[in-house]
Amino acid sequence: MKPRVVGDYEIGYECVRLVLRDGSGAEFYRLSDDVTMPTIVVGGDEADWKHMVSRLLHESFELVSDRLGCRFYPSSDLSQNSAAYIFLLDHQRFADCCAKVAEFLAAALPDLEAAWKTRRKRD
């Protein structure tokens, strides 16, 4: 299946594009060749909706944490493994992340669920 743009949504004071693709897992991109806003890409092969929600929650929180300067990569880690990221934030930044992610999820989840269900019917 060709990746499908689900929509563009506010996440704090910027917009993020949400894309549904084949496979599992998810990732975010700060910018890409054809989009001048952050993009979150989610694999639609999950059999359970709660896994889709979990993936989107993870990536959106990580994106907001990155934007707020709370996401760090230890420079001495040569593996370039995404598990090496660390997050440092106080309660105020945590609350800010939660508010931004909540705004995004409230708008994006209904559209993602509809796209995911349509995709599952075709498979």
Protein backbone atom coordinates (compact mmCIF):
# COMPACT_ATOMS: atom_id res chain seq x y z
CA MET A 1 0.00 0.00 0.00
CA LYS A 2 1.23 3.47 -0.82
CA PRO A 3 1.65 5.62 2.32
CA ARG A 4 -1.52 7.61 2.92
CA VAL A 5 -1.60 11.12 4.36
CA VAL A 6 -4.20 11.05 7.13
CA GLY A 7 -4.07 14.80 7.69
CA ASP A 8 -2.27 17.82 9.09
CA TYR A 9 -2.91 18.67 12.75
CA GLU A 10 -1.86 21.25 15.31
CA ILE A 11 0.58 20.13 17.95
CA GLY A 12 1.27 23.13 20.11
CA TYR A 13 2.23 26.12 17.96
CA GLU A 14 3.03 24.18 14.81
CA CYS A 15 1.44 21.59 12.54
CA VAL A 16 2.39 17.97 12.05
CA ARG A 17 1.50 15.68 9.16
CA LEU A 18 0.25 12.19 10.03
CA VAL A 19 0.90 9.38 7.54
CA LEU A 20 -0.30 5.76 7.60
CA ARG A 21 2.01 3.23 5.89
CA ASP A 22 2.52 -0.53 5.59
CA GLY A 23 4.29 -2.40 8.34
CA SER A 24 4.40 -1.89 12.06
CA GLY A 25 6.13 0.57 14.33
CA ALA A 26 6.32 4.32 13.86
CA GLU A 27 8.77 7.19 13.49
CA PHE A 28 8.84 10.94 13.19
CA TYR A 29 10.77 13.27 10.94
CA ARG A 30 11.48 16.91 11.75
CA LEU A 31 11.28 17.76 8.04
CA SER A 32 11.26 15.72 4.86
CA ASP A 33 11.98 16.41 1.20
CA ASP A 34 8.38 17.16 0.29
CA VAL A 35 6.90 18.46 3.56
CA THR A 36 7.95 21.59 5.45
CA MET A 37 6.47 20.45 8.75
CA PRO A 38 7.22 17.54 11.08
CA THR A 39 5.76 14.21 9.96
CA ILE A 40 4.70 11.25 12.08
CA VAL A 41 4.48 7.97 10.17
CA VAL A 42 2.62 5.01 11.68
CA GLY A 43 2.55 1.44 10.38
CA GLY A 44 -1.00 0.23 9.83
CA ASP A 45 -0.41 -3.52 10.11
CA GLU A 46 -1.25 -3.60 13.81
CA ALA A 47 -4.18 -5.91 14.54
CA ASP A 48 -5.22 -4.09 17.70
CA TRP A 49 -6.29 -0.42 17.79
CA LYS A 50 -4.65 0.17 21.17
CA HIS A 51 -1.26 -0.56 19.57
CA MET A 52 -1.91 2.12 16.97
CA VAL A 53 -2.78 4.60 19.74
CA SER A 54 0.34 3.62 21.67
CA ARG A 55 2.59 4.16 18.65
CA LEU A 56 1.06 7.56 17.90
CA LEU A 57 1.28 8.63 21.55
CA HIS A 58 4.94 7.59 21.69
CA GLU A 59 5.98 9.43 18.52
CA SER A 60 3.99 12.58 19.23
CA PHE A 61 5.39 12.84 22.77
CA GLU A 62 8.91 12.25 21.46
CA LEU A 63 8.47 14.92 18.77
CA VAL A 64 7.21 17.50 21.27
CA SER A 65 10.02 16.60 23.69
CA ASP A 66 12.52 17.12 20.88
CA ARG A 67 10.99 20.50 20.00
CA LEU A 68 11.17 21.63 23.65
CA GLY A 69 14.83 20.64 23.93
CA CYS A 70 14.16 17.75 26.32
CA ARG A 71 15.42 14.89 24.09
CA PHE A 72 19.14 14.14 24.02
CA TYR A 73 21.38 11.62 22.34
CA PRO A 74 24.52 10.63 24.24
CA SER A 75 27.39 11.62 21.98
CA SER A 76 29.61 8.74 23.07
CA ASP A 77 27.11 6.08 21.90
CA LEU A 78 28.43 4.82 18.57
CA SER A 79 25.57 2.38 17.94
CA GLN A 80 23.20 5.11 16.73
CA ASN A 81 20.41 3.09 18.29
CA SER A 82 17.23 5.05 18.96
CA ALA A 83 17.01 3.37 22.36
CA ALA A 84 19.93 5.55 23.47
CA TYR A 85 17.87 8.76 23.62
CA ILE A 86 17.30 10.23 27.05
CA PHE A 87 14.62 12.69 28.08
CA LEU A 88 15.08 15.35 30.74
CA LEU A 89 12.13 17.50 31.73
CA ASP A 90 10.71 19.08 34.82
CA HIS A 91 7.03 18.94 35.76
CA GLN A 92 6.21 22.15 33.86
CA ARG A 93 7.71 20.85 30.61
CA PHE A 94 5.98 17.50 31.16
CA ALA A 95 2.64 19.34 31.54
CA ASP A 96 3.39 21.35 28.37
CA CYS A 97 4.18 18.14 26.44
CA CYS A 98 0.97 16.53 27.67
CA ALA A 99 -1.14 19.54 26.65
CA LYS A 100 0.36 19.69 23.15
CA VAL A 101 0.08 15.95 22.60
CA ALA A 102 -3.51 15.90 23.91
CA GLU A 103 -4.52 18.60 21.42
CA PHE A 104 -2.94 16.60 18.59
CA LEU A 105 -4.39 13.23 19.63
CA ALA A 106 -7.91 14.60 20.11
CA ALA A 107 -7.88 15.86 16.52
CA ALA A 108 -5.89 13.08 14.82
CA LEU A 109 -7.12 9.86 16.43
CA PRO A 110 -10.60 9.79 14.84
CA ASP A 111 -9.10 10.28 11.37
CA LEU A 112 -6.37 7.72 11.97
CA GLU A 113 -8.91 5.19 13.22
CA ALA A 114 -11.06 5.68 10.12
CA ALA A 115 -8.04 5.28 7.82
CA TRP A 116 -6.84 2.21 9.75
CA LYS A 117 -10.28 0.55 9.59
CA THR A 118 -10.59 1.28 5.86
CA ARG A 119 -7.15 -0.21 5.30
CA ARG A 120 -8.01 -3.34 7.29
CA LYS A 121 -11.18 -3.89 5.26
CA ARG A 122 -9.14 -3.89 2.04
CA ASP A 123 -6.60 -6.42 3.39
